[in-house]
């Protein structure tokens, strides 16, 4: 058990007294699951005083994805408040261009932000059904635990 403030890593530790904002971005790819990936962001994108997830655009106005959304549009498949292991937050799940998905959950106050994408790097999207995508999201997201 550690007795100092910091960031725990596999076989490592970064001391941090908490006096400066912490920023991190971690991507996770799954073996033999080439159409999906998970990203965890902390402090890098969101401002605690900024607009909440459902009150702002999902992507930067100048991004390539924003240009795609202007052409193809997107459909919200689920959105609203969602508490994960005592952490209140909001989710927004969208689908576009046939069978491409972006699923986002943000803790109230802005950190962390969890995002999963399915089929976004493939021309034809994912072969998974919407029900399968939602089942994976609903299985992975509750594994997030608050730091005590």
N, C-alpha and C. Protein backbone atom coordinates (compact mmCIF):
# COMPACT_ATOMS: atom_id res chain seq x y z
N UNK A 1 0.85 -1.18 0.00
CA UNK A 1 0.00 0.00 0.00
C UNK A 1 0.89 1.24 0.00
N UNK A 2 0.63 2.13 -0.93
CA UNK A 2 1.41 3.36 -1.02
C UNK A 2 0.97 4.34 0.06
N UNK A 3 1.93 5.14 0.52
CA UNK A 3 1.59 6.14 1.53
C UNK A 3 1.96 7.55 1.06
N UNK A 4 2.04 7.74 -0.26
CA UNK A 4 2.29 9.07 -0.80
C UNK A 4 1.38 9.31 -2.01
N UNK A 5 1.16 10.58 -2.33
CA UNK A 5 0.29 10.93 -3.46
C UNK A 5 1.03 10.74 -4.77
N UNK A 6 0.31 10.26 -5.77
CA UNK A 6 0.92 10.09 -7.07
C UNK A 6 0.07 9.23 -7.98
N UNK A 7 0.71 8.75 -9.03
CA UNK A 7 0.04 7.96 -10.05
C UNK A 7 0.68 6.58 -10.08
N UNK A 8 -0.12 5.54 -9.89
CA UNK A 8 0.39 4.17 -9.92
C UNK A 8 0.36 3.65 -11.35
N UNK A 9 1.42 3.01 -11.75
CA UNK A 9 1.52 2.36 -13.05
C UNK A 9 1.96 0.93 -12.81
N UNK A 10 1.80 0.10 -13.83
CA UNK A 10 2.34 -1.25 -13.71
C UNK A 10 3.84 -1.13 -13.60
N UNK A 11 4.41 -1.68 -12.54
CA UNK A 11 5.84 -1.62 -12.25
C UNK A 11 6.38 -0.19 -12.19
N UNK A 12 5.57 0.74 -11.68
CA UNK A 12 6.06 2.11 -11.58
C UNK A 12 5.18 3.02 -10.75
N UNK A 13 5.70 4.19 -10.46
CA UNK A 13 4.99 5.19 -9.67
C UNK A 13 5.52 6.56 -10.04
N UNK A 14 4.62 7.53 -10.22
CA UNK A 14 5.02 8.92 -10.47
C UNK A 14 4.52 9.74 -9.29
N UNK A 15 5.45 10.28 -8.52
CA UNK A 15 5.08 11.10 -7.37
C UNK A 15 4.39 12.37 -7.84
N UNK A 16 3.32 12.76 -7.15
CA UNK A 16 2.56 13.95 -7.51
C UNK A 16 1.89 14.47 -6.25
N UNK A 17 2.21 15.69 -5.87
CA UNK A 17 1.62 16.24 -4.65
C UNK A 17 0.24 16.84 -4.86
N UNK A 18 -0.25 16.83 -6.09
CA UNK A 18 -1.59 17.32 -6.39
C UNK A 18 -1.68 18.82 -6.57
N UNK A 19 -0.55 19.53 -6.55
CA UNK A 19 -0.58 20.98 -6.66
C UNK A 19 -0.77 21.48 -8.09
N UNK A 20 -0.55 20.62 -9.07
CA UNK A 20 -0.71 21.00 -10.48
C UNK A 20 -1.78 20.11 -11.11
N UNK A 21 -2.51 20.64 -12.10
CA UNK A 21 -3.53 19.82 -12.76
C UNK A 21 -2.91 18.58 -13.40
N UNK A 22 -3.61 17.47 -13.27
CA UNK A 22 -3.15 16.19 -13.82
C UNK A 22 -3.82 15.98 -15.17
N UNK A 23 -3.02 15.66 -16.19
CA UNK A 23 -3.55 15.38 -17.53
C UNK A 23 -3.06 14.02 -17.98
N UNK A 24 -3.98 13.23 -18.50
CA UNK A 24 -3.61 11.91 -19.02
C UNK A 24 -4.58 11.51 -20.11
N UNK A 25 -4.08 10.72 -21.04
CA UNK A 25 -4.89 10.19 -22.13
C UNK A 25 -4.38 8.77 -22.37
N UNK A 26 -5.23 7.80 -22.14
CA UNK A 26 -4.84 6.40 -22.29
C UNK A 26 -5.74 5.72 -23.30
N UNK A 27 -5.14 5.07 -24.28
CA UNK A 27 -5.89 4.31 -25.27
C UNK A 27 -5.72 2.83 -25.03
N UNK A 28 -6.79 2.08 -25.23
CA UNK A 28 -6.76 0.63 -25.04
C UNK A 28 -7.28 -0.03 -26.31
N UNK A 29 -6.50 -0.92 -26.86
CA UNK A 29 -6.92 -1.75 -28.00
C UNK A 29 -7.11 -3.17 -27.47
N UNK A 30 -8.02 -3.90 -28.05
CA UNK A 30 -8.34 -5.24 -27.60
C UNK A 30 -7.84 -6.27 -28.61
N UNK A 31 -7.21 -7.32 -28.12
CA UNK A 31 -6.67 -8.38 -28.97
C UNK A 31 -7.79 -8.97 -29.83
N UNK A 32 -7.53 -9.13 -31.12
CA UNK A 32 -8.46 -9.71 -32.08
C UNK A 32 -9.80 -8.96 -32.16
N UNK A 33 -9.83 -7.73 -31.71
CA UNK A 33 -11.03 -6.89 -31.80
C UNK A 33 -10.64 -5.60 -32.51
N UNK A 34 -10.32 -5.71 -33.78
CA UNK A 34 -9.72 -4.59 -34.51
C UNK A 34 -10.69 -3.45 -34.83
N UNK A 35 -11.96 -3.65 -34.59
CA UNK A 35 -12.92 -2.61 -34.93
C UNK A 35 -13.32 -1.75 -33.73
N UNK A 36 -12.68 -1.97 -32.57
CA UNK A 36 -13.08 -1.20 -31.39
C UNK A 36 -11.86 -0.76 -30.60
N UNK A 37 -12.02 0.36 -29.91
CA UNK A 37 -10.99 0.83 -29.00
C UNK A 37 -11.61 1.70 -27.93
N UNK A 38 -10.89 1.82 -26.82
CA UNK A 38 -11.35 2.56 -25.65
C UNK A 38 -10.33 3.64 -25.35
N UNK A 39 -10.81 4.80 -24.95
CA UNK A 39 -9.92 5.89 -24.58
C UNK A 39 -10.39 6.49 -23.26
N UNK A 40 -9.44 6.74 -22.37
CA UNK A 40 -9.73 7.37 -21.08
C UNK A 40 -8.97 8.69 -21.05
N UNK A 41 -9.69 9.78 -20.85
CA UNK A 41 -9.07 11.10 -20.79
C UNK A 41 -9.29 11.70 -19.41
N UNK A 42 -8.27 12.36 -18.91
CA UNK A 42 -8.37 13.03 -17.61
C UNK A 42 -7.66 14.37 -17.71
N UNK A 43 -8.41 15.46 -17.59
CA UNK A 43 -7.83 16.78 -17.53
C UNK A 43 -7.35 17.37 -18.84
N UNK A 44 -7.21 16.58 -19.87
CA UNK A 44 -6.61 17.07 -21.11
C UNK A 44 -7.59 17.84 -21.98
N UNK A 45 -8.84 17.50 -21.94
CA UNK A 45 -9.80 18.07 -22.88
C UNK A 45 -10.86 18.92 -22.18
N UNK A 46 -11.30 18.49 -21.04
CA UNK A 46 -12.48 19.08 -20.42
C UNK A 46 -12.12 20.11 -19.36
N UNK A 47 -12.91 21.16 -19.31
CA UNK A 47 -12.77 22.17 -18.27
C UNK A 47 -13.95 22.00 -17.31
N UNK A 48 -13.69 21.90 -15.99
CA UNK A 48 -14.78 21.69 -15.04
C UNK A 48 -15.89 22.72 -15.14
N UNK A 49 -15.56 23.95 -15.54
CA UNK A 49 -16.58 25.00 -15.62
C UNK A 49 -17.23 25.08 -17.01
N UNK A 50 -16.79 24.25 -17.93
CA UNK A 50 -17.31 24.28 -19.30
C UNK A 50 -18.67 23.62 -19.41
N UNK A 51 -19.28 23.70 -20.59
CA UNK A 51 -20.60 23.09 -20.79
C UNK A 51 -20.54 21.57 -20.65
N UNK A 52 -21.63 21.02 -20.15
CA UNK A 52 -21.73 19.57 -19.95
C UNK A 52 -21.84 18.85 -21.30
N UNK A 53 -21.65 17.56 -21.27
CA UNK A 53 -21.64 16.72 -22.47
C UNK A 53 -22.84 16.96 -23.37
N UNK A 54 -24.02 17.01 -22.81
CA UNK A 54 -25.23 17.15 -23.62
C UNK A 54 -25.49 18.59 -24.07
N UNK A 55 -24.65 19.52 -23.61
CA UNK A 55 -24.83 20.94 -23.95
C UNK A 55 -23.81 21.44 -24.97
N UNK A 56 -22.96 20.57 -25.50
CA UNK A 56 -21.92 21.03 -26.42
C UNK A 56 -21.78 20.05 -27.58
N UNK A 57 -21.06 20.49 -28.62
CA UNK A 57 -20.77 19.61 -29.75
C UNK A 57 -19.85 18.50 -29.28
N UNK A 58 -20.00 17.31 -29.85
CA UNK A 58 -19.17 16.17 -29.46
C UNK A 58 -17.74 16.30 -29.93
N UNK A 59 -17.53 16.94 -31.06
CA UNK A 59 -16.19 17.03 -31.64
C UNK A 59 -15.86 18.49 -31.95
N UNK A 60 -14.59 18.79 -32.04
CA UNK A 60 -14.13 20.12 -32.39
C UNK A 60 -14.66 20.51 -33.77
N UNK A 61 -15.07 21.75 -33.89
CA UNK A 61 -15.67 22.25 -35.13
C UNK A 61 -14.75 22.08 -36.34
N UNK A 62 -13.44 22.12 -36.12
CA UNK A 62 -12.48 22.03 -37.21
C UNK A 62 -11.98 20.61 -37.47
N UNK A 63 -12.47 19.65 -36.73
CA UNK A 63 -11.98 18.27 -36.87
C UNK A 63 -12.54 17.60 -38.13
N UNK A 64 -11.85 16.55 -38.56
CA UNK A 64 -12.32 15.77 -39.71
C UNK A 64 -13.68 15.14 -39.42
N UNK A 65 -13.88 14.70 -38.18
CA UNK A 65 -15.15 14.08 -37.81
C UNK A 65 -16.30 15.09 -37.89
N UNK A 66 -16.05 16.34 -37.53
CA UNK A 66 -17.09 17.37 -37.65
C UNK A 66 -17.51 17.54 -39.11
N UNK A 67 -16.55 17.47 -40.02
CA UNK A 67 -16.86 17.57 -41.45
C UNK A 67 -17.70 16.39 -41.91
N UNK A 68 -17.36 15.20 -41.43
CA UNK A 68 -18.13 13.99 -41.76
C UNK A 68 -19.55 14.13 -41.24
N UNK A 69 -19.70 14.59 -39.98
CA UNK A 69 -21.03 14.75 -39.40
C UNK A 69 -21.88 15.75 -40.19
N UNK A 70 -21.26 16.78 -40.75
CA UNK A 70 -22.01 17.76 -41.55
C UNK A 70 -22.57 17.11 -42.81
N UNK A 71 -21.83 16.15 -43.35
CA UNK A 71 -22.26 15.47 -44.58
C UNK A 71 -23.25 14.35 -44.28
N UNK A 72 -22.89 13.47 -43.35
CA UNK A 72 -23.70 12.28 -43.10
C UNK A 72 -24.71 12.44 -41.97
N UNK A 73 -24.45 13.38 -41.07
CA UNK A 73 -25.27 13.49 -39.88
C UNK A 73 -24.97 12.34 -38.94
N UNK A 74 -25.58 12.35 -37.78
CA UNK A 74 -25.47 11.23 -36.85
C UNK A 74 -26.77 11.10 -36.08
N UNK A 75 -26.96 9.93 -35.51
CA UNK A 75 -28.18 9.65 -34.75
C UNK A 75 -27.79 9.33 -33.32
N UNK A 76 -28.43 10.00 -32.37
CA UNK A 76 -28.20 9.69 -30.96
C UNK A 76 -29.00 8.44 -30.64
N UNK A 77 -28.31 7.40 -30.15
CA UNK A 77 -29.02 6.16 -29.82
C UNK A 77 -29.33 6.07 -28.33
N UNK A 78 -28.61 6.85 -27.51
CA UNK A 78 -28.93 6.91 -26.09
C UNK A 78 -28.18 8.09 -25.49
N UNK A 79 -28.84 8.78 -24.56
CA UNK A 79 -28.17 9.86 -23.85
C UNK A 79 -28.88 10.13 -22.54
N UNK A 80 -28.14 10.68 -21.59
CA UNK A 80 -28.74 11.05 -20.32
C UNK A 80 -27.81 10.80 -19.15
N UNK A 81 -28.35 11.01 -17.96
CA UNK A 81 -27.58 10.82 -16.74
C UNK A 81 -27.28 9.34 -16.54
N UNK A 82 -26.08 9.04 -16.05
CA UNK A 82 -25.72 7.66 -15.74
C UNK A 82 -24.67 7.67 -14.63
N UNK A 83 -25.00 7.02 -13.52
CA UNK A 83 -24.08 6.92 -12.39
C UNK A 83 -23.35 5.59 -12.46
N UNK A 84 -22.02 5.66 -12.35
CA UNK A 84 -21.17 4.47 -12.42
C UNK A 84 -20.45 4.33 -11.09
N UNK A 85 -20.76 3.29 -10.34
CA UNK A 85 -20.09 3.03 -9.06
C UNK A 85 -20.02 4.27 -8.17
N UNK A 86 -21.15 4.96 -8.05
CA UNK A 86 -21.23 6.13 -7.19
C UNK A 86 -20.77 7.43 -7.83
N UNK A 87 -20.25 7.37 -9.06
CA UNK A 87 -19.79 8.58 -9.75
C UNK A 87 -20.89 9.04 -10.70
N UNK A 88 -21.47 10.20 -10.41
CA UNK A 88 -22.53 10.70 -11.29
C UNK A 88 -21.91 11.24 -12.57
N UNK A 89 -22.60 11.04 -13.65
CA UNK A 89 -22.09 11.49 -14.94
C UNK A 89 -23.18 11.45 -16.00
N UNK A 90 -22.76 11.66 -17.23
CA UNK A 90 -23.67 11.72 -18.37
C UNK A 90 -23.07 10.91 -19.51
N UNK A 91 -23.94 10.22 -20.25
CA UNK A 91 -23.47 9.50 -21.42
C UNK A 91 -24.18 10.01 -22.66
N UNK A 92 -23.49 9.89 -23.78
CA UNK A 92 -24.09 10.17 -25.09
C UNK A 92 -23.52 9.14 -26.05
N UNK A 93 -24.41 8.40 -26.71
CA UNK A 93 -24.03 7.33 -27.61
C UNK A 93 -24.60 7.67 -28.98
N UNK A 94 -23.72 7.71 -29.99
CA UNK A 94 -24.16 8.08 -31.33
C UNK A 94 -23.75 7.04 -32.36
N UNK A 95 -24.46 7.08 -33.49
CA UNK A 95 -24.21 6.18 -34.62
C UNK A 95 -24.25 7.03 -35.88
N UNK A 96 -23.36 6.72 -36.83
CA UNK A 96 -23.36 7.46 -38.10
C UNK A 96 -22.81 6.60 -39.23
N UNK A 97 -23.03 7.09 -40.43
CA UNK A 97 -22.45 6.51 -41.65
C UNK A 97 -22.59 4.99 -41.70
N UNK A 98 -23.81 4.53 -41.52
CA UNK A 98 -24.06 3.09 -41.58
C UNK A 98 -23.91 2.41 -40.25
N UNK A 99 -22.68 2.03 -39.91
CA UNK A 99 -22.49 1.23 -38.71
C UNK A 99 -21.22 1.64 -37.95
N UNK A 100 -21.10 2.95 -37.67
CA UNK A 100 -19.98 3.48 -36.89
C UNK A 100 -20.55 4.09 -35.61
N UNK A 101 -19.87 3.83 -34.49
CA UNK A 101 -20.39 4.25 -33.19
C UNK A 101 -19.33 5.00 -32.39
N UNK A 102 -19.79 6.00 -31.64
CA UNK A 102 -18.97 6.67 -30.64
C UNK A 102 -19.81 6.74 -29.37
N UNK A 103 -19.27 6.19 -28.29
CA UNK A 103 -19.97 6.13 -27.02
C UNK A 103 -19.13 6.90 -26.00
N UNK A 104 -19.73 7.88 -25.33
CA UNK A 104 -18.98 8.74 -24.41
C UNK A 104 -19.70 8.80 -23.07
N UNK A 105 -18.92 8.72 -21.99
CA UNK A 105 -19.41 8.97 -20.64
C UNK A 105 -18.46 9.95 -19.98
N UNK A 106 -19.03 10.98 -19.33
CA UNK A 106 -18.23 11.95 -18.60
C UNK A 106 -18.73 12.05 -17.18
N UNK A 107 -17.80 12.02 -16.27
CA UNK A 107 -18.15 12.23 -14.87
C UNK A 107 -18.54 13.69 -14.68
N UNK A 108 -19.54 13.95 -13.86
CA UNK A 108 -19.91 15.33 -13.55
C UNK A 108 -18.68 16.04 -13.00
N UNK A 109 -18.41 17.22 -13.50
CA UNK A 109 -17.20 17.93 -13.11
C UNK A 109 -16.09 17.74 -14.13
N UNK A 110 -16.26 16.81 -15.06
CA UNK A 110 -15.36 16.71 -16.20
C UNK A 110 -14.33 15.62 -16.23
N UNK A 111 -13.97 14.99 -15.15
CA UNK A 111 -12.92 13.97 -15.19
C UNK A 111 -13.33 12.73 -14.44
N UNK A 112 -13.16 11.58 -15.00
CA UNK A 112 -12.60 11.32 -16.32
C UNK A 112 -13.67 11.34 -17.41
N UNK A 113 -13.20 11.21 -18.64
CA UNK A 113 -14.06 11.05 -19.81
C UNK A 113 -13.68 9.70 -20.42
N UNK A 114 -14.67 8.85 -20.65
CA UNK A 114 -14.46 7.53 -21.23
C UNK A 114 -15.12 7.53 -22.60
N UNK A 115 -14.39 7.03 -23.60
CA UNK A 115 -14.95 6.98 -24.95
C UNK A 115 -14.60 5.63 -25.57
N UNK A 116 -15.59 5.01 -26.18
CA UNK A 116 -15.36 3.80 -26.98
C UNK A 116 -15.84 4.10 -28.39
N UNK A 117 -15.09 3.60 -29.36
CA UNK A 117 -15.49 3.73 -30.75
C UNK A 117 -15.50 2.34 -31.39
N UNK A 118 -16.47 2.15 -32.26
CA UNK A 118 -16.62 0.90 -32.98
C UNK A 118 -16.71 1.21 -34.47
N UNK A 119 -15.81 0.63 -35.26
CA UNK A 119 -15.88 0.75 -36.71
C UNK A 119 -15.49 2.10 -37.27
N UNK A 120 -14.99 3.00 -36.46
CA UNK A 120 -14.71 4.35 -36.94
C UNK A 120 -13.48 4.42 -37.83
N UNK A 121 -12.63 3.42 -37.77
CA UNK A 121 -11.42 3.42 -38.60
C UNK A 121 -11.56 2.50 -39.81
N UNK A 122 -12.77 1.98 -40.02
CA UNK A 122 -13.02 1.08 -41.14
C UNK A 122 -14.07 1.71 -42.06
N UNK A 123 -13.84 1.61 -43.35
CA UNK A 123 -14.76 2.20 -44.32
C UNK A 123 -16.19 1.72 -44.12
N UNK A 124 -16.36 0.42 -43.89
CA UNK A 124 -17.69 -0.16 -43.75
C UNK A 124 -18.19 -0.20 -42.31
N UNK A 125 -17.45 0.39 -41.38
CA UNK A 125 -17.88 0.38 -39.98
C UNK A 125 -17.66 -0.98 -39.34
N UNK A 126 -18.40 -1.23 -38.28
CA UNK A 126 -18.27 -2.49 -37.55
C UNK A 126 -19.30 -3.50 -38.05
N UNK A 127 -19.00 -4.76 -37.90
CA UNK A 127 -19.96 -5.82 -38.24
C UNK A 127 -20.88 -6.12 -37.05
N UNK A 128 -20.60 -5.50 -35.93
CA UNK A 128 -21.41 -5.73 -34.72
C UNK A 128 -22.77 -5.02 -34.86
N UNK A 129 -23.77 -5.62 -34.27
CA UNK A 129 -25.09 -4.99 -34.26
C UNK A 129 -25.12 -3.89 -33.20
N UNK A 130 -26.10 -3.04 -33.29
CA UNK A 130 -26.27 -2.00 -32.27
C UNK A 130 -26.43 -2.62 -30.89
N UNK A 131 -27.19 -3.71 -30.79
CA UNK A 131 -27.38 -4.39 -29.51
C UNK A 131 -26.05 -4.91 -28.95
N UNK A 132 -25.19 -5.44 -29.82
CA UNK A 132 -23.87 -5.93 -29.37
C UNK A 132 -23.00 -4.77 -28.88
N UNK A 133 -23.00 -3.67 -29.61
CA UNK A 133 -22.22 -2.50 -29.21
C UNK A 133 -22.67 -2.01 -27.84
N UNK A 134 -23.98 -1.89 -27.65
CA UNK A 134 -24.50 -1.43 -26.36
C UNK A 134 -24.19 -2.42 -25.24
N UNK A 135 -24.25 -3.71 -25.52
CA UNK A 135 -23.93 -4.71 -24.50
C UNK A 135 -22.47 -4.61 -24.08
N UNK A 136 -21.57 -4.40 -25.03
CA UNK A 136 -20.15 -4.25 -24.69
C UNK A 136 -19.96 -3.00 -23.83
N UNK A 137 -20.53 -1.88 -24.25
CA UNK A 137 -20.44 -0.63 -23.49
C UNK A 137 -20.97 -0.81 -22.08
N UNK A 138 -22.13 -1.45 -21.96
CA UNK A 138 -22.75 -1.64 -20.66
C UNK A 138 -22.02 -2.65 -19.78
N UNK A 139 -21.11 -3.41 -20.36
CA UNK A 139 -20.26 -4.33 -19.60
C UNK A 139 -18.95 -3.65 -19.19
N UNK A 140 -18.36 -2.90 -20.10
CA UNK A 140 -17.06 -2.25 -19.84
C UNK A 140 -17.20 -1.06 -18.90
N UNK A 141 -18.17 -0.19 -19.14
CA UNK A 141 -18.27 1.05 -18.37
C UNK A 141 -18.37 0.83 -16.86
N UNK A 142 -19.15 -0.13 -16.37
CA UNK A 142 -19.23 -0.32 -14.92
C UNK A 142 -17.94 -0.83 -14.26
N UNK A 143 -16.93 -1.17 -15.06
CA UNK A 143 -15.66 -1.59 -14.45
C UNK A 143 -14.86 -0.38 -13.97
N UNK A 144 -15.28 0.82 -14.34
CA UNK A 144 -14.63 2.04 -13.87
C UNK A 144 -14.92 2.22 -12.39
N UNK A 145 -13.88 2.44 -11.61
CA UNK A 145 -14.04 2.59 -10.16
C UNK A 145 -13.42 3.91 -9.71
N UNK A 146 -14.05 4.57 -8.74
CA UNK A 146 -13.46 5.82 -8.22
C UNK A 146 -12.23 5.52 -7.36
N UNK A 147 -11.32 6.47 -7.32
CA UNK A 147 -10.15 6.34 -6.45
C UNK A 147 -10.57 6.76 -5.06
N UNK A 148 -10.26 5.93 -4.09
CA UNK A 148 -10.65 6.24 -2.71
C UNK A 148 -9.48 6.72 -1.90
